[in-house]
Amino acid sequence: MSQTDPRIDAYIAQAASFAQPILEHLRAVVHAACPQVEETIKWGMPSFVYGGKILCGMGAFKQHATFGFWQGASVVGASAERSREAMGQFGRLTQVGDLPGKRELSKLLKQAMALIDAGGKKTAGKTAASKTPASQTPASEASASKARVPKPPVVIPDDLAVAFKKNPRARATYAAFPPSQQREYVEWIESAKREQTRSGCVAQAVEWMAQGKIRNWKYVAK
């Protein structure tokens, strides 16, 4: 497979044993159907990007896994969705057999790619607008065009670093997180005003990360 992300390797390795073959299968099918796909992590879960846009994503929970297309209803049809059961359009996955066959899944992936390609052609005609002089551009658009100031690198607090030495699994999860999710944990710990509260935050953070959880995992639909 090309364009793989080591964070997804870590995610799969930390998933429940029943979910690992499901995630590996989905990953292989996506890469076979779309060789140009790029892997990333979005909202704490593996996602696949094509043409700069999200193509699909997958996730693993305690008792089920999920898979879905970003433009789900347009790909599988609203009537065929099982999104009420879980995230994505294929309901709660507990084995590879819960998914459509490889040929059918590849066909759906091709349809999703075609939708992204069609969208790209439509927006391409707007490129001329980017050449409009700044004096003719609304203030809101002008301000949006300014380069955003990058956030400083995330620095691991000393007490969290000490805790990581006692829990390599949590440290590996943290290392696999994108900067935004690392920052969520660090800012949560740094926001504690009392030493006792901070110690509790560190202990809870390490426990959650050892389980492969993002800081706001409770708000991720299951």
N, C-alpha and C. Protein backbone atom coordinates (compact mmCIF):
# COMPACT_ATOMS: atom_id res chain seq x y z
N MET A 1 0.84 -1.20 0.00
CA MET A 1 0.00 0.00 0.00
C MET A 1 0.88 1.25 0.00
N SER A 2 0.43 2.30 -0.63
CA SER A 2 1.17 3.55 -0.67
C SER A 2 0.50 4.57 0.24
N GLN A 3 1.25 5.60 0.59
CA GLN A 3 0.74 6.69 1.39
C GLN A 3 0.09 6.19 2.70
N THR A 4 0.79 5.36 3.42
CA THR A 4 0.25 4.87 4.69
C THR A 4 0.70 5.78 5.83
N ASP A 5 -0.05 5.75 6.91
CA ASP A 5 0.20 6.60 8.06
C ASP A 5 0.48 5.70 9.26
N PRO A 6 1.63 5.82 9.90
CA PRO A 6 1.95 4.96 11.04
C PRO A 6 0.96 5.10 12.20
N ARG A 7 0.25 6.21 12.25
CA ARG A 7 -0.75 6.38 13.31
C ARG A 7 -1.89 5.39 13.15
N ILE A 8 -2.17 5.02 11.89
CA ILE A 8 -3.22 4.04 11.66
C ILE A 8 -2.74 2.65 12.02
N ASP A 9 -1.46 2.38 11.80
CA ASP A 9 -0.88 1.11 12.25
C ASP A 9 -1.07 0.98 13.76
N ALA A 10 -0.78 2.07 14.48
CA ALA A 10 -0.91 2.06 15.94
C ALA A 10 -2.37 1.91 16.35
N TYR A 11 -3.26 2.58 15.62
CA TYR A 11 -4.69 2.52 15.93
C TYR A 11 -5.20 1.07 15.81
N ILE A 12 -4.82 0.42 14.71
CA ILE A 12 -5.27 -0.96 14.49
C ILE A 12 -4.69 -1.89 15.54
N ALA A 13 -3.42 -1.68 15.87
CA ALA A 13 -2.76 -2.55 16.86
C ALA A 13 -3.42 -2.44 18.22
N GLN A 14 -3.99 -1.27 18.51
CA GLN A 14 -4.60 -1.05 19.82
C GLN A 14 -6.09 -1.39 19.82
N ALA A 15 -6.64 -1.71 18.67
CA ALA A 15 -8.07 -2.04 18.59
C ALA A 15 -8.33 -3.42 19.18
N ALA A 16 -9.61 -3.67 19.51
CA ALA A 16 -9.99 -4.98 20.03
C ALA A 16 -9.66 -6.06 19.00
N SER A 17 -9.41 -7.26 19.46
CA SER A 17 -8.97 -8.34 18.56
C SER A 17 -9.97 -8.61 17.45
N PHE A 18 -11.27 -8.51 17.73
CA PHE A 18 -12.28 -8.77 16.70
C PHE A 18 -12.24 -7.70 15.62
N ALA A 19 -11.86 -6.47 16.01
CA ALA A 19 -11.89 -5.34 15.08
C ALA A 19 -10.68 -5.29 14.16
N GLN A 20 -9.56 -5.82 14.59
CA GLN A 20 -8.33 -5.70 13.80
C GLN A 20 -8.46 -6.26 12.39
N PRO A 21 -8.99 -7.48 12.19
CA PRO A 21 -9.13 -7.98 10.81
C PRO A 21 -10.09 -7.15 9.97
N ILE A 22 -11.10 -6.56 10.61
CA ILE A 22 -12.05 -5.71 9.88
C ILE A 22 -11.33 -4.47 9.37
N LEU A 23 -10.58 -3.83 10.24
CA LEU A 23 -9.87 -2.61 9.86
C LEU A 23 -8.79 -2.90 8.82
N GLU A 24 -8.08 -4.00 8.98
CA GLU A 24 -7.05 -4.37 8.00
C GLU A 24 -7.68 -4.63 6.64
N HIS A 25 -8.81 -5.31 6.64
CA HIS A 25 -9.51 -5.62 5.38
C HIS A 25 -9.96 -4.33 4.70
N LEU A 26 -10.58 -3.45 5.46
CA LEU A 26 -11.06 -2.18 4.89
C LEU A 26 -9.89 -1.37 4.34
N ARG A 27 -8.82 -1.32 5.08
CA ARG A 27 -7.65 -0.56 4.64
C ARG A 27 -7.12 -1.11 3.32
N ALA A 28 -7.05 -2.42 3.20
CA ALA A 28 -6.53 -3.04 1.98
C ALA A 28 -7.45 -2.79 0.79
N VAL A 29 -8.76 -2.89 1.01
CA VAL A 29 -9.72 -2.68 -0.07
C VAL A 29 -9.68 -1.23 -0.55
N VAL A 30 -9.59 -0.30 0.38
CA VAL A 30 -9.53 1.12 0.01
C VAL A 30 -8.30 1.40 -0.83
N HIS A 31 -7.15 0.89 -0.43
CA HIS A 31 -5.92 1.14 -1.19
C HIS A 31 -5.94 0.45 -2.55
N ALA A 32 -6.56 -0.72 -2.61
CA ALA A 32 -6.63 -1.42 -3.90
C ALA A 32 -7.54 -0.68 -4.88
N ALA A 33 -8.65 -0.16 -4.37
CA ALA A 33 -9.60 0.55 -5.24
C ALA A 33 -9.13 1.95 -5.58
N CYS A 34 -8.35 2.54 -4.68
CA CYS A 34 -7.91 3.93 -4.88
C CYS A 34 -6.42 4.04 -4.54
N PRO A 35 -5.54 3.71 -5.47
CA PRO A 35 -4.10 3.76 -5.21
C PRO A 35 -3.60 5.15 -4.81
N GLN A 36 -4.33 6.20 -5.19
CA GLN A 36 -3.90 7.57 -4.88
C GLN A 36 -4.30 8.01 -3.48
N VAL A 37 -5.00 7.15 -2.75
CA VAL A 37 -5.53 7.55 -1.45
C VAL A 37 -4.41 7.86 -0.46
N GLU A 38 -4.67 8.78 0.43
CA GLU A 38 -3.74 9.13 1.50
C GLU A 38 -4.41 8.86 2.84
N GLU A 39 -3.65 8.38 3.78
CA GLU A 39 -4.20 8.08 5.10
C GLU A 39 -3.95 9.24 6.06
N THR A 40 -4.87 9.40 6.99
CA THR A 40 -4.71 10.41 8.03
C THR A 40 -5.59 10.03 9.21
N ILE A 41 -5.57 10.85 10.24
CA ILE A 41 -6.45 10.67 11.39
C ILE A 41 -7.35 11.89 11.49
N LYS A 42 -8.65 11.66 11.52
CA LYS A 42 -9.63 12.72 11.68
C LYS A 42 -10.52 12.37 12.86
N TRP A 43 -10.66 13.30 13.79
CA TRP A 43 -11.52 13.07 14.96
C TRP A 43 -11.14 11.79 15.70
N GLY A 44 -9.84 11.51 15.70
CA GLY A 44 -9.35 10.37 16.44
C GLY A 44 -9.49 9.03 15.76
N MET A 45 -9.95 9.02 14.51
CA MET A 45 -10.16 7.75 13.81
C MET A 45 -9.52 7.77 12.42
N PRO A 46 -9.16 6.60 11.90
CA PRO A 46 -8.52 6.53 10.57
C PRO A 46 -9.43 7.07 9.47
N SER A 47 -8.88 7.90 8.63
CA SER A 47 -9.63 8.45 7.51
C SER A 47 -8.78 8.33 6.24
N PHE A 48 -9.45 8.30 5.11
CA PHE A 48 -8.78 8.16 3.81
C PHE A 48 -9.15 9.36 2.94
N VAL A 49 -8.14 10.00 2.43
CA VAL A 49 -8.32 11.24 1.66
C VAL A 49 -7.97 11.01 0.19
N TYR A 50 -8.82 11.52 -0.68
CA TYR A 50 -8.61 11.41 -2.12
C TYR A 50 -8.84 12.78 -2.74
N GLY A 51 -7.90 13.24 -3.52
CA GLY A 51 -8.06 14.55 -4.15
C GLY A 51 -8.18 15.68 -3.16
N GLY A 52 -7.58 15.52 -1.99
CA GLY A 52 -7.65 16.57 -0.98
C GLY A 52 -8.92 16.57 -0.16
N LYS A 53 -9.81 15.61 -0.41
CA LYS A 53 -11.08 15.54 0.32
C LYS A 53 -11.25 14.17 0.96
N ILE A 54 -12.01 14.14 2.04
CA ILE A 54 -12.22 12.88 2.73
C ILE A 54 -13.05 11.94 1.86
N LEU A 55 -12.53 10.76 1.64
CA LEU A 55 -13.24 9.74 0.86
C LEU A 55 -14.08 8.86 1.78
N CYS A 56 -13.47 8.37 2.84
CA CYS A 56 -14.18 7.49 3.77
C CYS A 56 -13.38 7.39 5.06
N GLY A 57 -13.96 6.71 6.04
CA GLY A 57 -13.27 6.57 7.31
C GLY A 57 -13.75 5.32 8.04
N MET A 58 -12.98 4.90 9.01
CA MET A 58 -13.34 3.71 9.77
C MET A 58 -12.99 3.92 11.24
N GLY A 59 -13.55 3.10 12.10
CA GLY A 59 -13.28 3.25 13.52
C GLY A 59 -13.54 1.95 14.25
N ALA A 60 -12.99 1.84 15.45
CA ALA A 60 -13.19 0.64 16.25
C ALA A 60 -13.59 1.05 17.66
N PHE A 61 -14.56 0.35 18.21
CA PHE A 61 -15.03 0.59 19.55
C PHE A 61 -14.96 -0.71 20.34
N LYS A 62 -15.47 -0.73 21.54
CA LYS A 62 -15.33 -1.92 22.39
C LYS A 62 -16.01 -3.15 21.81
N GLN A 63 -17.18 -2.96 21.19
CA GLN A 63 -17.93 -4.12 20.73
C GLN A 63 -18.27 -4.08 19.25
N HIS A 64 -17.83 -3.07 18.55
CA HIS A 64 -18.11 -3.02 17.12
C HIS A 64 -17.13 -2.09 16.42
N ALA A 65 -17.06 -2.23 15.11
CA ALA A 65 -16.28 -1.34 14.27
C ALA A 65 -17.23 -0.64 13.31
N THR A 66 -16.74 0.40 12.65
CA THR A 66 -17.60 1.15 11.72
C THR A 66 -16.83 1.50 10.46
N PHE A 67 -17.58 1.77 9.41
CA PHE A 67 -16.99 2.24 8.15
C PHE A 67 -18.03 3.08 7.44
N GLY A 68 -17.58 4.18 6.85
CA GLY A 68 -18.55 5.03 6.16
C GLY A 68 -17.90 5.95 5.15
N PHE A 69 -18.68 6.35 4.16
CA PHE A 69 -18.25 7.30 3.15
C PHE A 69 -18.63 8.70 3.58
N TRP A 70 -17.78 9.68 3.25
CA TRP A 70 -18.05 11.06 3.62
C TRP A 70 -19.36 11.54 2.98
N GLN A 71 -19.59 11.14 1.73
CA GLN A 71 -20.84 11.48 1.04
C GLN A 71 -21.71 10.22 1.01
N GLY A 72 -21.98 9.69 2.19
CA GLY A 72 -22.64 8.40 2.32
C GLY A 72 -23.93 8.21 1.55
N ALA A 73 -24.88 9.12 1.75
CA ALA A 73 -26.17 8.97 1.10
C ALA A 73 -26.05 8.98 -0.42
N SER A 74 -25.09 9.74 -0.94
CA SER A 74 -24.91 9.82 -2.39
C SER A 74 -24.23 8.57 -2.93
N VAL A 75 -23.55 7.83 -2.06
CA VAL A 75 -22.84 6.64 -2.51
C VAL A 75 -23.70 5.38 -2.38
N VAL A 76 -24.25 5.16 -1.20
CA VAL A 76 -25.01 3.93 -0.97
C VAL A 76 -26.52 4.14 -1.04
N GLY A 77 -26.96 5.42 -1.05
CA GLY A 77 -28.39 5.69 -1.07
C GLY A 77 -28.93 5.76 0.35
N ALA A 78 -29.74 6.75 0.62
CA ALA A 78 -30.26 6.95 1.97
C ALA A 78 -31.03 5.74 2.48
N SER A 79 -31.75 5.05 1.60
CA SER A 79 -32.57 3.91 2.02
C SER A 79 -31.71 2.71 2.42
N ALA A 80 -30.48 2.67 1.94
CA ALA A 80 -29.61 1.52 2.22
C ALA A 80 -28.74 1.74 3.44
N GLU A 81 -28.74 2.96 3.97
CA GLU A 81 -27.88 3.25 5.11
C GLU A 81 -28.34 2.54 6.37
N ARG A 82 -27.37 2.18 7.21
CA ARG A 82 -27.67 1.60 8.52
C ARG A 82 -27.04 2.49 9.58
N SER A 83 -27.00 3.81 9.27
CA SER A 83 -26.31 4.75 10.15
C SER A 83 -26.99 4.90 11.50
N ARG A 84 -28.24 4.49 11.62
CA ARG A 84 -28.87 4.59 12.93
C ARG A 84 -28.29 3.59 13.91
N GLU A 85 -27.70 2.52 13.38
CA GLU A 85 -27.11 1.51 14.24
C GLU A 85 -25.76 1.98 14.79
N ALA A 86 -25.02 2.71 13.98
CA ALA A 86 -23.68 3.15 14.36
C ALA A 86 -23.22 4.19 13.36
N MET A 87 -22.02 4.71 13.55
CA MET A 87 -21.45 5.66 12.60
C MET A 87 -21.27 4.98 11.25
N GLY A 88 -21.26 5.79 10.19
CA GLY A 88 -21.07 5.22 8.85
C GLY A 88 -22.37 4.71 8.26
N GLN A 89 -22.27 3.97 7.18
CA GLN A 89 -23.47 3.49 6.48
C GLN A 89 -23.66 1.98 6.56
N PHE A 90 -22.82 1.28 7.32
CA PHE A 90 -22.89 -0.18 7.32
C PHE A 90 -23.18 -0.78 8.70
N GLY A 91 -23.64 0.06 9.60
CA GLY A 91 -24.05 -0.41 10.91
C GLY A 91 -22.90 -0.89 11.78
N ARG A 92 -23.24 -1.69 12.75
CA ARG A 92 -22.25 -2.22 13.71
C ARG A 92 -21.54 -3.42 13.09
N LEU A 93 -20.25 -3.30 12.89
CA LEU A 93 -19.46 -4.36 12.27
C LEU A 93 -18.75 -5.17 13.35
N THR A 94 -18.98 -6.46 13.35
CA THR A 94 -18.31 -7.33 14.32
C THR A 94 -17.44 -8.38 13.63
N GLN A 95 -17.55 -8.46 12.30
CA GLN A 95 -16.73 -9.39 11.52
C GLN A 95 -16.68 -8.89 10.08
N VAL A 96 -15.70 -9.34 9.33
CA VAL A 96 -15.54 -8.90 7.94
C VAL A 96 -16.80 -9.22 7.13
N GLY A 97 -17.46 -10.32 7.45
CA GLY A 97 -18.66 -10.72 6.72
C GLY A 97 -19.82 -9.76 6.85
N ASP A 98 -19.76 -8.81 7.80
CA ASP A 98 -20.83 -7.82 7.93
C ASP A 98 -20.74 -6.75 6.84
N LEU A 99 -19.63 -6.72 6.14
CA LEU A 99 -19.43 -5.74 5.07
C LEU A 99 -19.86 -6.30 3.72
N PRO A 100 -20.12 -5.44 2.75
CA PRO A 100 -20.37 -5.92 1.39
C PRO A 100 -19.13 -6.66 0.90
N GLY A 101 -19.27 -7.49 -0.12
CA GLY A 101 -18.13 -8.20 -0.68
C GLY A 101 -17.09 -7.23 -1.23
N LYS A 102 -15.89 -7.71 -1.43
CA LYS A 102 -14.79 -6.86 -1.90
C LYS A 102 -15.13 -6.17 -3.21
N ARG A 103 -15.75 -6.89 -4.14
CA ARG A 103 -16.09 -6.30 -5.44
C ARG A 103 -17.10 -5.18 -5.28
N GLU A 104 -18.13 -5.42 -4.45
CA GLU A 104 -19.16 -4.41 -4.24
C GLU A 104 -18.59 -3.21 -3.50
N LEU A 105 -17.76 -3.45 -2.52
CA LEU A 105 -17.16 -2.36 -1.76
C LEU A 105 -16.25 -1.52 -2.66
N SER A 106 -15.51 -2.19 -3.53
CA SER A 106 -14.64 -1.47 -4.47
C SER A 106 -15.47 -0.60 -5.41
N LYS A 107 -16.61 -1.12 -5.82
CA LYS A 107 -17.50 -0.36 -6.70
C LYS A 107 -18.00 0.89 -6.01
N LEU A 108 -18.36 0.77 -4.73
CA LEU A 108 -18.83 1.92 -3.96
C LEU A 108 -17.70 2.94 -3.79
N LEU A 109 -16.50 2.46 -3.59
CA LEU A 109 -15.36 3.37 -3.46
C LEU A 109 -15.13 4.15 -4.75
N LYS A 110 -15.27 3.46 -5.89
CA LYS A 110 -15.12 4.14 -7.18
C LYS A 110 -16.19 5.22 -7.35
N GLN A 111 -17.40 4.92 -6.89
CA GLN A 111 -18.48 5.91 -6.97
C GLN A 111 -18.17 7.12 -6.10
N ALA A 112 -17.64 6.86 -4.91
CA ALA A 112 -17.28 7.96 -4.01
C ALA A 112 -16.16 8.80 -4.61
N MET A 113 -15.21 8.15 -5.27
CA MET A 113 -14.12 8.89 -5.94
C MET A 113 -14.68 9.75 -7.07
N ALA A 114 -15.63 9.19 -7.81
CA ALA A 114 -16.22 9.93 -8.93
C ALA A 114 -16.95 11.18 -8.42
N LEU A 115 -17.58 11.08 -7.26
CA LEU A 115 -18.27 12.23 -6.68
C LEU A 115 -17.27 13.33 -6.33
N ILE A 116 -16.13 12.92 -5.79
CA ILE A 116 -15.10 13.91 -5.46
C ILE A 116 -14.54 14.54 -6.74
N ASP A 117 -14.31 13.70 -7.75
CA ASP A 117 -13.82 14.23 -9.03
C ASP A 117 -14.80 15.22 -9.62
N ALA A 118 -16.08 14.91 -9.56
CA ALA A 118 -17.10 15.81 -10.11
C ALA A 118 -17.13 17.11 -9.34
N GLY A 119 -16.99 17.02 -8.04
CA GLY A 119 -16.97 18.23 -7.23
C GLY A 119 -15.76 19.09 -7.54
N GLY A 120 -14.63 18.42 -7.79
CA GLY A 120 -13.42 19.16 -8.12
C GLY A 120 -13.55 19.93 -9.41
N LYS A 121 -14.23 19.32 -10.40
CA LYS A 121 -14.40 20.00 -11.70
C LYS A 121 -15.29 21.22 -11.54
N LYS A 122 -16.29 21.11 -10.67
CA LYS A 122 -17.21 22.23 -10.49
C LYS A 122 -16.52 23.41 -9.82
N THR A 123 -15.69 23.14 -8.81
CA THR A 123 -15.05 24.22 -8.09
C THR A 123 -13.89 24.81 -8.86
N ALA A 124 -13.38 24.05 -9.87
CA ALA A 124 -12.22 24.54 -10.63
C ALA A 124 -12.56 25.83 -11.36
N GLY A 125 -13.83 26.00 -11.74
CA GLY A 125 -14.24 27.19 -12.47
C GLY A 125 -14.19 28.44 -11.63
N LYS A 126 -14.02 28.30 -10.30
CA LYS A 126 -14.01 29.45 -9.42
C LYS A 126 -12.62 30.01 -9.22
N THR A 127 -11.64 29.37 -9.84
CA THR A 127 -10.27 29.82 -9.60
C THR A 127 -10.05 31.24 -10.08
N ALA A 128 -10.82 31.66 -11.07
CA ALA A 128 -10.65 33.02 -11.58
C ALA A 128 -10.95 34.04 -10.49
N ALA A 129 -11.84 33.70 -9.56
CA ALA A 129 -12.20 34.63 -8.51
C ALA A 129 -11.01 34.93 -7.62
N SER A 130 -10.09 33.98 -7.54
CA SER A 130 -8.93 34.19 -6.67
C SER A 130 -8.02 35.27 -7.21
N LYS A 131 -8.20 35.64 -8.52
CA LYS A 131 -7.36 36.65 -9.12
C LYS A 131 -7.96 38.05 -8.98
N THR A 132 -9.12 38.15 -8.30
CA THR A 132 -9.76 39.44 -8.12
C THR A 132 -8.89 40.34 -7.27
N PRO A 133 -8.66 41.59 -7.66
CA PRO A 133 -7.82 42.49 -6.87
C PRO A 133 -8.34 42.60 -5.45
N ALA A 134 -7.44 42.78 -4.48
CA ALA A 134 -7.84 42.87 -3.08
C ALA A 134 -8.83 44.00 -2.85
N SER A 135 -8.72 45.10 -3.65
CA SER A 135 -9.62 46.23 -3.47
C SER A 135 -11.05 45.88 -3.81
N GLN A 136 -11.25 44.79 -4.59
CA GLN A 136 -12.59 44.38 -4.98
C GLN A 136 -13.07 43.18 -4.17
N THR A 137 -12.26 42.76 -3.21
CA THR A 137 -12.61 41.60 -2.40
C THR A 137 -13.24 42.04 -1.10
N PRO A 138 -14.38 41.45 -0.69
CA PRO A 138 -15.01 41.81 0.57
C PRO A 138 -14.01 41.68 1.72
N ALA A 139 -14.18 42.51 2.74
CA ALA A 139 -13.24 42.53 3.87
C ALA A 139 -13.12 41.16 4.51
N SER A 140 -14.25 40.45 4.61
CA SER A 140 -14.22 39.14 5.27
C SER A 140 -13.36 38.17 4.48
N GLU A 141 -13.44 38.24 3.14
CA GLU A 141 -12.65 37.35 2.31
C GLU A 141 -11.19 37.73 2.37
N ALA A 142 -10.92 39.04 2.42
CA ALA A 142 -9.54 39.51 2.47
C ALA A 142 -8.86 39.04 3.74
N SER A 143 -9.60 39.13 4.87
CA SER A 143 -9.02 38.71 6.14
C SER A 143 -8.81 37.21 6.17
N ALA A 144 -9.72 36.47 5.52
CA ALA A 144 -9.61 35.00 5.51
C ALA A 144 -8.42 34.55 4.69
N SER A 145 -8.01 35.41 3.72
CA SER A 145 -6.91 35.03 2.84
C SER A 145 -5.55 35.18 3.50
N LYS A 146 -5.52 35.88 4.65
CA LYS A 146 -4.25 36.08 5.34
C LYS A 146 -3.75 34.75 5.89
N ALA A 147 -2.46 34.58 5.85
CA ALA A 147 -1.88 33.33 6.35
C ALA A 147 -2.14 33.22 7.84
N ARG A 148 -2.55 32.06 8.26
CA ARG A 148 -2.80 31.82 9.68
C ARG A 148 -1.48 31.61 10.40
N VAL A 149 -1.40 32.17 11.60
CA VAL A 149 -0.18 32.01 12.40
C VAL A 149 -0.19 30.60 12.99
N PRO A 150 0.81 29.78 12.69
CA PRO A 150 0.84 28.41 13.20
C PRO A 150 0.97 28.38 14.71
N LYS A 151 0.34 27.38 15.32
CA LYS A 151 0.43 27.23 16.77
C LYS A 151 1.79 26.68 17.14
N PRO A 152 2.29 27.03 18.31
CA PRO A 152 3.60 26.52 18.72
C PRO A 152 3.54 25.01 18.94
N PRO A 153 4.67 24.34 18.86
CA PRO A 153 4.70 22.88 19.06
C PRO A 153 4.16 22.52 20.45
N VAL A 154 3.60 21.33 20.55
CA VAL A 154 3.07 20.87 21.82
C VAL A 154 4.23 20.37 22.69
N VAL A 155 4.31 20.88 23.90
CA VAL A 155 5.36 20.48 24.83
C VAL A 155 4.75 19.60 25.91
N ILE A 156 5.30 18.42 26.10
CA ILE A 156 4.77 17.50 27.10
C ILE A 156 5.13 17.99 28.50
N PRO A 157 4.15 18.20 29.38
CA PRO A 157 4.45 18.62 30.75
C PRO A 157 5.32 17.58 31.46
N ASP A 158 6.16 18.04 32.39
CA ASP A 158 7.08 17.14 33.07
C ASP A 158 6.37 15.99 33.78
N ASP A 159 5.24 16.29 34.46
CA ASP A 159 4.55 15.24 35.20
C ASP A 159 3.93 14.20 34.26
N LEU A 160 3.50 14.65 33.09
CA LEU A 160 2.95 13.71 32.12
C LEU A 160 4.07 12.85 31.53
N ALA A 161 5.23 13.46 31.29
CA ALA A 161 6.37 12.72 30.76
C ALA A 161 6.81 11.63 31.74
N VAL A 162 6.78 11.94 33.02
CA VAL A 162 7.15 10.95 34.04
C VAL A 162 6.15 9.80 34.02
N ALA A 163 4.86 10.14 33.91
CA ALA A 163 3.82 9.12 33.88
C ALA A 163 3.95 8.24 32.64
N PHE A 164 4.37 8.82 31.53
CA PHE A 164 4.55 8.05 30.29
C PHE A 164 5.64 6.98 30.45
N LYS A 165 6.66 7.29 31.25
CA LYS A 165 7.75 6.32 31.44
C LYS A 165 7.25 5.04 32.10
N LYS A 166 6.16 5.16 32.86
CA LYS A 166 5.59 4.01 33.55
C LYS A 166 4.51 3.33 32.70
N ASN A 167 4.15 3.97 31.60
CA ASN A 167 3.08 3.42 30.76
C ASN A 167 3.42 3.63 29.28
N PRO A 168 4.26 2.77 28.70
CA PRO A 168 4.68 2.91 27.30
C PRO A 168 3.50 2.90 26.32
N ARG A 169 2.45 2.16 26.65
CA ARG A 169 1.30 2.09 25.75
C ARG A 169 0.65 3.47 25.60
N ALA A 170 0.50 4.16 26.72
CA ALA A 170 -0.08 5.50 26.67
C ALA A 170 0.84 6.44 25.89
N ARG A 171 2.15 6.29 26.10
CA ARG A 171 3.12 7.14 25.39
C ARG A 171 3.04 6.91 23.89
N ALA A 172 2.87 5.66 23.47
CA ALA A 172 2.78 5.35 22.04
C ALA A 172 1.52 5.95 21.44
N THR A 173 0.43 5.89 22.19
CA THR A 173 -0.83 6.48 21.70
C THR A 173 -0.67 7.98 21.52
N TYR A 174 -0.07 8.62 22.52
CA TYR A 174 0.15 10.07 22.45
C TYR A 174 1.00 10.43 21.24
N ALA A 175 2.05 9.65 21.02
CA ALA A 175 2.95 9.92 19.90
C ALA A 175 2.24 9.77 18.56
N ALA A 176 1.23 8.90 18.52
CA ALA A 176 0.49 8.67 17.27
C ALA A 176 -0.56 9.73 17.02
N PHE A 177 -0.91 10.49 18.05
CA PHE A 177 -1.92 11.53 17.89
C PHE A 177 -1.40 12.68 17.02
N PRO A 178 -2.29 13.35 16.27
CA PRO A 178 -1.88 14.58 15.59
C PRO A 178 -1.70 15.67 16.65
N PRO A 179 -1.00 16.76 16.35
CA PRO A 179 -0.76 17.83 17.33
C PRO A 179 -2.02 18.34 18.01
N SER A 180 -3.13 18.42 17.26
CA SER A 180 -4.37 18.95 17.84
C SER A 180 -4.86 18.10 18.99
N GLN A 181 -4.75 16.78 18.87
CA GLN A 181 -5.22 15.90 19.93
C GLN A 181 -4.22 15.83 21.08
N GLN A 182 -2.95 15.97 20.78
CA GLN A 182 -1.96 16.07 21.85
C GLN A 182 -2.23 17.32 22.67
N ARG A 183 -2.52 18.41 21.97
CA ARG A 183 -2.76 19.69 22.63
C ARG A 183 -3.99 19.63 23.53
N GLU A 184 -5.02 18.88 23.12
CA GLU A 184 -6.23 18.77 23.94
C GLU A 184 -5.90 18.18 25.31
N TYR A 185 -5.08 17.16 25.33
CA TYR A 185 -4.69 16.55 26.60
C TYR A 185 -3.81 17.50 27.42
N VAL A 186 -2.82 18.09 26.76
CA VAL A 186 -1.89 18.97 27.47
C VAL A 186 -2.60 20.18 28.05
N GLU A 187 -3.47 20.80 27.27
CA GLU A 187 -4.19 21.98 27.77
C GLU A 187 -5.13 21.62 28.91
N TRP A 188 -5.71 20.42 28.86
CA TRP A 188 -6.57 19.97 29.95
C TRP A 188 -5.77 19.84 31.24
N ILE A 189 -4.59 19.26 31.15
CA ILE A 189 -3.74 19.10 32.33
C ILE A 189 -3.26 20.45 32.84
N GLU A 190 -2.83 21.31 31.92
CA GLU A 190 -2.31 22.62 32.30
C GLU A 190 -3.39 23.52 32.90
N SER A 191 -4.65 23.24 32.59
CA SER A 191 -5.74 24.09 33.09
C SER A 191 -6.07 23.82 34.55
N ALA A 192 -5.58 22.71 35.09
CA ALA A 192 -5.86 22.37 36.50
C ALA A 192 -5.18 23.38 37.41
N LYS A 193 -5.93 23.93 38.35
CA LYS A 193 -5.41 24.98 39.22
C LYS A 193 -4.83 24.43 40.53
N ARG A 194 -5.27 23.25 40.92
CA ARG A 194 -4.76 22.65 42.15
C ARG A 194 -3.89 21.45 41.82
N GLU A 195 -2.87 21.24 42.64
CA GLU A 195 -1.94 20.14 42.39
C GLU A 195 -2.66 18.79 42.40
N GLN A 196 -3.61 18.64 43.34
CA GLN A 196 -4.35 17.38 43.42
C GLN A 196 -5.19 17.15 42.17
N THR A 197 -5.81 18.23 41.70
CA THR A 197 -6.62 18.13 40.48
C THR A 197 -5.75 17.78 39.28
N ARG A 198 -4.58 18.42 39.23
CA ARG A 198 -3.67 18.17 38.11
C ARG A 198 -3.19 16.71 38.12
N SER A 199 -2.88 16.21 39.29
CA SER A 199 -2.43 14.81 39.39
C SER A 199 -3.51 13.87 38.90
N GLY A 200 -4.77 14.20 39.24
CA GLY A 200 -5.89 13.38 38.78
C GLY A 200 -6.04 13.44 37.27
N CYS A 201 -5.81 14.61 36.70
CA CYS A 201 -5.90 14.77 35.25
C CYS A 201 -4.83 13.94 34.55
N VAL A 202 -3.61 13.97 35.10
CA VAL A 202 -2.52 13.21 34.50
C VAL A 202 -2.83 11.73 34.55
N ALA A 203 -3.28 11.25 35.71
CA ALA A 203 -3.59 9.83 35.86
C ALA A 203 -4.71 9.41 34.91
N GLN A 204 -5.75 10.25 34.79
CA GLN A 204 -6.87 9.93 33.91
C GLN A 204 -6.43 9.96 32.45
N ALA A 205 -5.61 10.95 32.11
CA ALA A 205 -5.13 11.06 30.73
C ALA A 205 -4.34 9.83 30.32
N VAL A 206 -3.45 9.38 31.20
CA VAL A 206 -2.64 8.20 30.90
C VAL A 206 -3.51 6.96 30.76
N GLU A 207 -4.50 6.84 31.63
CA GLU A 207 -5.41 5.69 31.56
C GLU A 207 -6.16 5.66 30.23
N TRP A 208 -6.68 6.82 29.83
CA TRP A 208 -7.42 6.89 28.57
C TRP A 208 -6.52 6.62 27.37
N MET A 209 -5.34 7.21 27.39
CA MET A 209 -4.44 7.02 26.25
C MET A 209 -3.95 5.58 26.16
N ALA A 210 -3.82 4.92 27.30
CA ALA A 210 -3.44 3.51 27.28
C ALA A 210 -4.51 2.66 26.61
N GLN A 211 -5.74 3.19 26.60
CA GLN A 211 -6.85 2.51 25.94
C GLN A 211 -7.05 3.02 24.51
N GLY A 212 -6.15 3.91 24.06
CA GLY A 212 -6.23 4.44 22.70
C GLY A 212 -7.26 5.53 22.52
N LYS A 213 -7.65 6.18 23.61
CA LYS A 213 -8.74 7.16 23.54
C LYS A 213 -8.21 8.58 23.37
N ILE A 214 -8.97 9.38 22.60
CA ILE A 214 -8.68 10.80 22.50
C ILE A 214 -9.25 11.50 23.73
N ARG A 215 -8.89 12.73 23.95
CA ARG A 215 -9.34 13.47 25.14
C ARG A 215 -10.86 13.53 25.22
N ASN A 216 -11.52 13.80 24.11
CA ASN A 216 -12.98 13.94 24.12
C ASN A 216 -13.68 12.71 23.55
N TRP A 217 -13.17 11.54 23.91
CA TRP A 217 -13.72 10.29 23.36
C TRP A 217 -15.20 10.08 23.73
N LYS A 218 -15.62 10.66 24.85
CA LYS A 218 -17.00 10.47 25.30
C LYS A 218 -18.00 11.08 24.32
N TYR A 219 -17.53 12.05 23.54
CA TYR A 219 -18.43 12.75 22.63
C TYR A 219 -18.40 12.20 21.23
N VAL A 220 -17.65 11.13 21.03
CA VAL A 220 -17.63 10.45 19.73
C VAL A 220 -18.77 9.46 19.70
N ALA A 221 -19.64 9.58 18.70
CA ALA A 221 -20.81 8.70 18.61
C ALA A 221 -20.38 7.25 18.49
N LYS A 222 -21.10 6.37 19.16
CA LYS A 222 -20.81 4.94 19.10
C LYS A 222 -21.98 4.21 18.51
